Amino acid sequence: MYQKHKPMKLILIKTQNYDFKPYGFFIIKFRTRQGHLPNIIPFDELHMNNNTTMPLTDEQDKAVIKEMKKYKTDIFVDNYGNTFYTRAGNGFTEVSHKKLVMYGNDEAFKHALDSKYEKYIRD
């Protein structure tokens, strides 16, 4: 005879360690006509990889916001310098945009952005 099974409830938590650095001086804007400015990334042009989203605790979220304000950027990069992240919803997620790649590869673009925020340049 078959026995009736009760549903099994689980809470699964994934953990991953990151070392982030602030990247450029990028601002993600939801509604903007200023997409031509070097530091503005229109939200509708930002590509988010939702499969990479990692939840943040309230304490971590506050720390991320503090770093964003301190370094005048909404974008962080990993130790390898090739994966970009931002705060989205209640987590940290991988993002991509052509301006992020240009900042790393195009010296004129990097200079245009950095010269505006020269007093915030970091090591």
N, C-alpha and C. Protein backbone atom coordinates (compact mmCIF):
# COMPACT_ATOMS: atom_id res chain seq x y z
N MET A 1 0.82 -1.18 0.00
CA MET A 1 0.00 0.00 0.00
C MET A 1 0.88 1.25 0.00
N TYR A 2 0.35 2.26 -0.66
CA TYR A 2 1.05 3.54 -0.68
C TYR A 2 0.79 4.31 0.59
N GLN A 3 1.83 4.91 1.07
CA GLN A 3 1.71 5.73 2.27
C GLN A 3 1.66 7.20 1.84
N LYS A 4 0.79 7.96 2.44
CA LYS A 4 0.69 9.38 2.11
C LYS A 4 1.91 10.11 2.65
N HIS A 5 2.55 10.86 1.79
CA HIS A 5 3.75 11.59 2.19
C HIS A 5 3.41 13.02 2.51
N LYS A 6 4.04 13.51 3.52
CA LYS A 6 3.91 14.92 3.85
C LYS A 6 4.96 15.68 3.05
N PRO A 7 4.64 16.89 2.63
CA PRO A 7 5.65 17.66 1.89
C PRO A 7 6.83 18.00 2.79
N MET A 8 8.00 17.96 2.21
CA MET A 8 9.22 18.29 2.94
C MET A 8 9.53 19.76 2.68
N LYS A 9 9.68 20.54 3.72
CA LYS A 9 9.99 21.95 3.58
C LYS A 9 11.47 22.17 3.86
N LEU A 10 12.11 22.88 2.94
CA LEU A 10 13.55 23.18 3.07
C LEU A 10 13.79 24.66 2.82
N ILE A 11 14.73 25.20 3.51
CA ILE A 11 15.24 26.53 3.20
C ILE A 11 16.66 26.32 2.72
N LEU A 12 16.90 26.64 1.46
CA LEU A 12 18.23 26.47 0.88
C LEU A 12 18.89 27.84 0.75
N ILE A 13 20.11 27.93 1.17
CA ILE A 13 20.85 29.18 1.13
C ILE A 13 22.14 28.94 0.36
N LYS A 14 22.37 29.76 -0.65
CA LYS A 14 23.63 29.65 -1.37
C LYS A 14 24.57 30.75 -0.88
N THR A 15 25.82 30.41 -0.78
CA THR A 15 26.82 31.33 -0.28
C THR A 15 27.97 31.41 -1.28
N GLN A 16 28.45 32.62 -1.47
CA GLN A 16 29.59 32.81 -2.36
C GLN A 16 30.37 34.01 -1.84
N ASN A 17 31.67 33.92 -1.86
CA ASN A 17 32.52 35.03 -1.41
C ASN A 17 32.90 35.89 -2.61
N TYR A 18 32.86 37.19 -2.41
CA TYR A 18 33.21 38.14 -3.46
C TYR A 18 34.23 39.13 -2.91
N ASP A 19 35.07 39.63 -3.79
CA ASP A 19 35.92 40.78 -3.51
C ASP A 19 35.59 41.80 -4.58
N PHE A 20 34.91 42.85 -4.18
CA PHE A 20 34.47 43.87 -5.13
C PHE A 20 35.29 45.14 -5.00
N LYS A 21 35.43 45.82 -6.13
CA LYS A 21 36.04 47.14 -6.16
C LYS A 21 35.07 48.06 -6.89
N PRO A 22 34.99 49.34 -6.50
CA PRO A 22 34.17 50.27 -7.26
C PRO A 22 34.75 50.41 -8.67
N TYR A 23 33.87 50.62 -9.64
CA TYR A 23 34.29 50.67 -11.03
C TYR A 23 33.75 51.93 -11.68
N GLY A 24 34.64 52.78 -12.14
CA GLY A 24 34.23 53.99 -12.83
C GLY A 24 33.40 54.89 -11.94
N PHE A 25 32.60 55.72 -12.57
CA PHE A 25 31.71 56.65 -11.88
C PHE A 25 30.35 56.60 -12.54
N PHE A 26 29.83 55.39 -12.66
CA PHE A 26 28.59 55.17 -13.41
C PHE A 26 27.37 55.33 -12.53
N ILE A 27 26.34 55.93 -13.12
CA ILE A 27 25.05 56.11 -12.45
C ILE A 27 24.00 55.44 -13.32
N ILE A 28 23.22 54.55 -12.72
CA ILE A 28 22.13 53.91 -13.44
C ILE A 28 20.89 54.75 -13.22
N LYS A 29 20.27 55.20 -14.31
CA LYS A 29 19.08 56.05 -14.23
C LYS A 29 17.89 55.31 -14.84
N PHE A 30 16.75 55.38 -14.15
CA PHE A 30 15.55 54.72 -14.65
C PHE A 30 14.93 55.49 -15.81
N ARG A 31 14.78 56.76 -15.67
CA ARG A 31 14.24 57.58 -16.75
C ARG A 31 15.25 58.68 -17.02
N THR A 32 15.72 58.72 -18.23
CA THR A 32 16.74 59.72 -18.53
C THR A 32 16.74 60.09 -20.00
N ARG A 33 17.06 61.32 -20.24
CA ARG A 33 17.33 61.79 -21.59
C ARG A 33 18.82 62.11 -21.70
N GLN A 34 19.55 61.72 -20.67
CA GLN A 34 20.97 62.04 -20.60
C GLN A 34 21.84 60.83 -20.87
N GLY A 35 21.35 59.88 -21.63
CA GLY A 35 22.10 58.67 -21.92
C GLY A 35 23.38 58.93 -22.68
N HIS A 36 23.50 60.12 -23.26
CA HIS A 36 24.71 60.45 -24.00
C HIS A 36 25.86 60.86 -23.09
N LEU A 37 25.57 61.20 -21.83
CA LEU A 37 26.65 61.53 -20.90
C LEU A 37 27.45 60.27 -20.60
N PRO A 38 28.77 60.38 -20.48
CA PRO A 38 29.58 59.18 -20.34
C PRO A 38 29.30 58.36 -19.08
N ASN A 39 28.83 58.99 -18.01
CA ASN A 39 28.65 58.24 -16.77
C ASN A 39 27.22 57.74 -16.55
N ILE A 40 26.28 58.07 -17.43
CA ILE A 40 24.89 57.66 -17.27
C ILE A 40 24.64 56.36 -18.03
N ILE A 41 24.08 55.38 -17.33
CA ILE A 41 23.65 54.14 -17.97
C ILE A 41 22.13 54.06 -17.80
N PRO A 42 21.38 54.20 -18.90
CA PRO A 42 19.93 54.07 -18.79
C PRO A 42 19.55 52.64 -18.37
N PHE A 43 18.66 52.53 -17.41
CA PHE A 43 18.28 51.23 -16.87
C PHE A 43 17.77 50.29 -17.97
N ASP A 44 17.04 50.83 -18.93
CA ASP A 44 16.49 49.95 -19.97
C ASP A 44 17.56 49.42 -20.93
N GLU A 45 18.77 49.95 -20.86
CA GLU A 45 19.88 49.44 -21.67
C GLU A 45 20.80 48.50 -20.89
N LEU A 46 20.61 48.45 -19.58
CA LEU A 46 21.45 47.61 -18.73
C LEU A 46 21.00 46.16 -18.83
N HIS A 47 21.93 45.27 -19.07
CA HIS A 47 21.63 43.84 -19.16
C HIS A 47 21.94 43.20 -17.81
N MET A 48 20.92 42.58 -17.22
CA MET A 48 21.09 41.94 -15.91
C MET A 48 21.01 40.43 -16.07
N ASN A 49 21.92 39.75 -15.43
CA ASN A 49 21.89 38.28 -15.42
C ASN A 49 21.22 37.86 -14.12
N ASN A 50 19.91 37.68 -14.16
CA ASN A 50 19.16 37.38 -12.95
C ASN A 50 19.55 36.05 -12.31
N ASN A 51 20.15 35.17 -13.06
CA ASN A 51 20.59 33.88 -12.50
C ASN A 51 21.76 34.04 -11.53
N THR A 52 22.38 35.21 -11.54
CA THR A 52 23.55 35.43 -10.68
C THR A 52 23.20 36.23 -9.42
N THR A 53 21.96 36.62 -9.25
CA THR A 53 21.58 37.46 -8.12
C THR A 53 21.82 36.74 -6.80
N MET A 54 22.51 37.43 -5.92
CA MET A 54 22.77 36.92 -4.57
C MET A 54 22.07 37.85 -3.59
N PRO A 55 21.27 37.28 -2.68
CA PRO A 55 20.55 38.13 -1.74
C PRO A 55 21.49 38.83 -0.77
N LEU A 56 21.09 40.01 -0.34
CA LEU A 56 21.85 40.79 0.63
C LEU A 56 21.05 40.90 1.92
N THR A 57 21.74 40.81 3.05
CA THR A 57 21.09 41.09 4.32
C THR A 57 20.90 42.61 4.41
N ASP A 58 20.11 43.06 5.35
CA ASP A 58 19.92 44.50 5.53
C ASP A 58 21.25 45.19 5.82
N GLU A 59 22.07 44.55 6.61
CA GLU A 59 23.38 45.11 6.96
C GLU A 59 24.28 45.21 5.72
N GLN A 60 24.30 44.16 4.91
CA GLN A 60 25.11 44.17 3.69
C GLN A 60 24.59 45.22 2.71
N ASP A 61 23.27 45.33 2.60
CA ASP A 61 22.66 46.31 1.70
C ASP A 61 23.08 47.72 2.09
N LYS A 62 23.04 48.03 3.37
CA LYS A 62 23.47 49.35 3.85
C LYS A 62 24.94 49.59 3.54
N ALA A 63 25.77 48.56 3.71
CA ALA A 63 27.21 48.70 3.42
C ALA A 63 27.44 48.95 1.93
N VAL A 64 26.70 48.27 1.07
CA VAL A 64 26.83 48.47 -0.38
C VAL A 64 26.42 49.88 -0.76
N ILE A 65 25.30 50.34 -0.23
CA ILE A 65 24.84 51.70 -0.52
C ILE A 65 25.88 52.72 -0.06
N LYS A 66 26.45 52.50 1.10
CA LYS A 66 27.48 53.41 1.63
C LYS A 66 28.68 53.48 0.68
N GLU A 67 29.12 52.32 0.18
CA GLU A 67 30.24 52.28 -0.76
C GLU A 67 29.88 52.97 -2.08
N MET A 68 28.66 52.77 -2.54
CA MET A 68 28.23 53.42 -3.78
C MET A 68 28.28 54.94 -3.65
N LYS A 69 27.80 55.43 -2.54
CA LYS A 69 27.82 56.88 -2.31
C LYS A 69 29.25 57.38 -2.15
N LYS A 70 30.04 56.66 -1.39
CA LYS A 70 31.42 57.07 -1.13
C LYS A 70 32.23 57.19 -2.42
N TYR A 71 32.07 56.21 -3.32
CA TYR A 71 32.87 56.17 -4.54
C TYR A 71 32.14 56.67 -5.78
N LYS A 72 30.93 57.22 -5.60
CA LYS A 72 30.17 57.84 -6.70
C LYS A 72 29.96 56.89 -7.88
N THR A 73 29.59 55.66 -7.59
CA THR A 73 29.34 54.70 -8.66
C THR A 73 28.27 53.69 -8.24
N ASP A 74 27.53 53.20 -9.22
CA ASP A 74 26.55 52.13 -9.00
C ASP A 74 27.10 50.78 -9.45
N ILE A 75 28.33 50.78 -9.95
CA ILE A 75 28.91 49.56 -10.52
C ILE A 75 30.14 49.14 -9.73
N PHE A 76 30.24 47.83 -9.52
CA PHE A 76 31.41 47.23 -8.89
C PHE A 76 31.95 46.17 -9.83
N VAL A 77 33.21 45.84 -9.67
CA VAL A 77 33.85 44.83 -10.51
C VAL A 77 34.51 43.81 -9.58
N ASP A 78 34.62 42.58 -10.07
CA ASP A 78 35.26 41.54 -9.26
C ASP A 78 36.78 41.68 -9.35
N ASN A 79 37.49 40.84 -8.63
CA ASN A 79 38.96 40.90 -8.59
C ASN A 79 39.60 40.75 -9.96
N TYR A 80 38.96 40.03 -10.85
CA TYR A 80 39.54 39.76 -12.17
C TYR A 80 39.30 40.91 -13.13
N GLY A 81 38.39 41.81 -12.79
CA GLY A 81 38.15 42.98 -13.61
C GLY A 81 37.30 42.74 -14.84
N ASN A 82 36.62 41.61 -14.90
CA ASN A 82 35.85 41.34 -16.11
C ASN A 82 34.37 41.04 -15.87
N THR A 83 33.93 41.06 -14.61
CA THR A 83 32.53 40.84 -14.32
C THR A 83 32.02 42.00 -13.48
N PHE A 84 30.94 42.62 -13.93
CA PHE A 84 30.41 43.81 -13.30
C PHE A 84 29.15 43.47 -12.51
N TYR A 85 28.95 44.18 -11.41
CA TYR A 85 27.82 43.93 -10.52
C TYR A 85 27.19 45.24 -10.08
N THR A 86 25.92 45.17 -9.72
CA THR A 86 25.24 46.29 -9.11
C THR A 86 24.18 45.78 -8.15
N ARG A 87 23.69 46.66 -7.35
CA ARG A 87 22.62 46.36 -6.40
C ARG A 87 21.30 46.43 -7.16
N ALA A 88 20.52 45.38 -7.08
CA ALA A 88 19.23 45.34 -7.77
C ALA A 88 18.21 44.63 -6.90
N GLY A 89 17.10 45.28 -6.66
CA GLY A 89 16.08 44.67 -5.82
C GLY A 89 16.64 44.42 -4.43
N ASN A 90 16.61 43.18 -4.01
CA ASN A 90 17.14 42.86 -2.68
C ASN A 90 18.41 42.03 -2.78
N GLY A 91 19.17 42.26 -3.85
CA GLY A 91 20.40 41.49 -4.01
C GLY A 91 21.44 42.21 -4.83
N PHE A 92 22.51 41.51 -5.08
CA PHE A 92 23.64 41.98 -5.89
C PHE A 92 23.65 41.10 -7.12
N THR A 93 23.68 41.68 -8.30
CA THR A 93 23.57 40.89 -9.52
C THR A 93 24.59 41.31 -10.57
N GLU A 94 24.93 40.37 -11.43
CA GLU A 94 25.86 40.61 -12.52
C GLU A 94 25.16 41.41 -13.61
N VAL A 95 25.87 42.41 -14.15
CA VAL A 95 25.30 43.26 -15.19
C VAL A 95 26.31 43.45 -16.32
N SER A 96 25.81 43.92 -17.45
CA SER A 96 26.71 44.27 -18.55
C SER A 96 26.12 45.45 -19.31
N HIS A 97 27.00 46.24 -19.89
CA HIS A 97 26.62 47.39 -20.71
C HIS A 97 27.85 47.81 -21.50
N LYS A 98 27.62 48.34 -22.68
CA LYS A 98 28.75 48.71 -23.55
C LYS A 98 29.66 49.76 -22.90
N LYS A 99 29.11 50.67 -22.09
CA LYS A 99 29.95 51.69 -21.45
C LYS A 99 30.90 51.10 -20.43
N LEU A 100 30.51 50.01 -19.81
CA LEU A 100 31.38 49.35 -18.83
C LEU A 100 32.60 48.76 -19.53
N VAL A 101 32.38 48.18 -20.69
CA VAL A 101 33.48 47.61 -21.47
C VAL A 101 34.36 48.74 -22.03
N MET A 102 33.70 49.80 -22.52
CA MET A 102 34.45 50.93 -23.07
C MET A 102 35.37 51.55 -22.02
N TYR A 103 34.90 51.64 -20.79
CA TYR A 103 35.70 52.25 -19.72
C TYR A 103 37.01 51.47 -19.52
N GLY A 104 36.95 50.18 -19.68
CA GLY A 104 38.15 49.36 -19.50
C GLY A 104 39.05 49.31 -20.72
N ASN A 105 38.50 49.60 -21.92
CA ASN A 105 39.26 49.42 -23.16
C ASN A 105 39.58 50.70 -23.92
N ASP A 106 38.82 51.76 -23.69
CA ASP A 106 38.96 52.99 -24.48
C ASP A 106 39.50 54.10 -23.58
N GLU A 107 40.77 54.45 -23.77
CA GLU A 107 41.43 55.45 -22.93
C GLU A 107 40.76 56.82 -23.00
N ALA A 108 40.29 57.22 -24.18
CA ALA A 108 39.64 58.52 -24.32
C ALA A 108 38.33 58.55 -23.52
N PHE A 109 37.57 57.48 -23.59
CA PHE A 109 36.31 57.39 -22.83
C PHE A 109 36.60 57.40 -21.33
N LYS A 110 37.60 56.63 -20.91
CA LYS A 110 37.98 56.56 -19.50
C LYS A 110 38.42 57.94 -19.00
N HIS A 111 39.21 58.64 -19.80
CA HIS A 111 39.68 59.97 -19.43
C HIS A 111 38.51 60.95 -19.32
N ALA A 112 37.57 60.89 -20.26
CA ALA A 112 36.40 61.78 -20.23
C ALA A 112 35.60 61.59 -18.94
N LEU A 113 35.46 60.37 -18.52
CA LEU A 113 34.70 60.08 -17.31
C LEU A 113 35.51 60.44 -16.06
N ASP A 114 36.76 60.03 -16.01
CA ASP A 114 37.59 60.26 -14.83
C ASP A 114 37.88 61.75 -14.60
N SER A 115 38.02 62.52 -15.68
CA SER A 115 38.35 63.94 -15.51
C SER A 115 37.23 64.69 -14.81
N LYS A 116 35.99 64.25 -15.00
CA LYS A 116 34.85 64.88 -14.34
C LYS A 116 34.85 64.60 -12.84
N TYR A 117 35.38 63.45 -12.45
CA TYR A 117 35.36 63.01 -11.06
C TYR A 117 36.76 62.87 -10.50
N GLU A 118 37.67 63.70 -10.95
CA GLU A 118 39.08 63.61 -10.59
C GLU A 118 39.33 63.57 -9.09
N LYS A 119 38.55 64.33 -8.32
CA LYS A 119 38.79 64.36 -6.87
C LYS A 119 38.40 63.06 -6.18
N TYR A 120 37.68 62.17 -6.89
CA TYR A 120 37.26 60.90 -6.31
C TYR A 120 38.10 59.72 -6.80
N ILE A 121 39.11 59.99 -7.63
CA ILE A 121 39.93 58.91 -8.18
C ILE A 121 40.52 58.10 -7.03
N ARG A 122 40.42 56.80 -7.17
CA ARG A 122 40.89 55.87 -6.13
C ARG A 122 41.96 54.96 -6.69
N ASP A 123 42.70 54.36 -5.81
CA ASP A 123 43.77 53.43 -6.24
C ASP A 123 43.18 52.13 -6.71
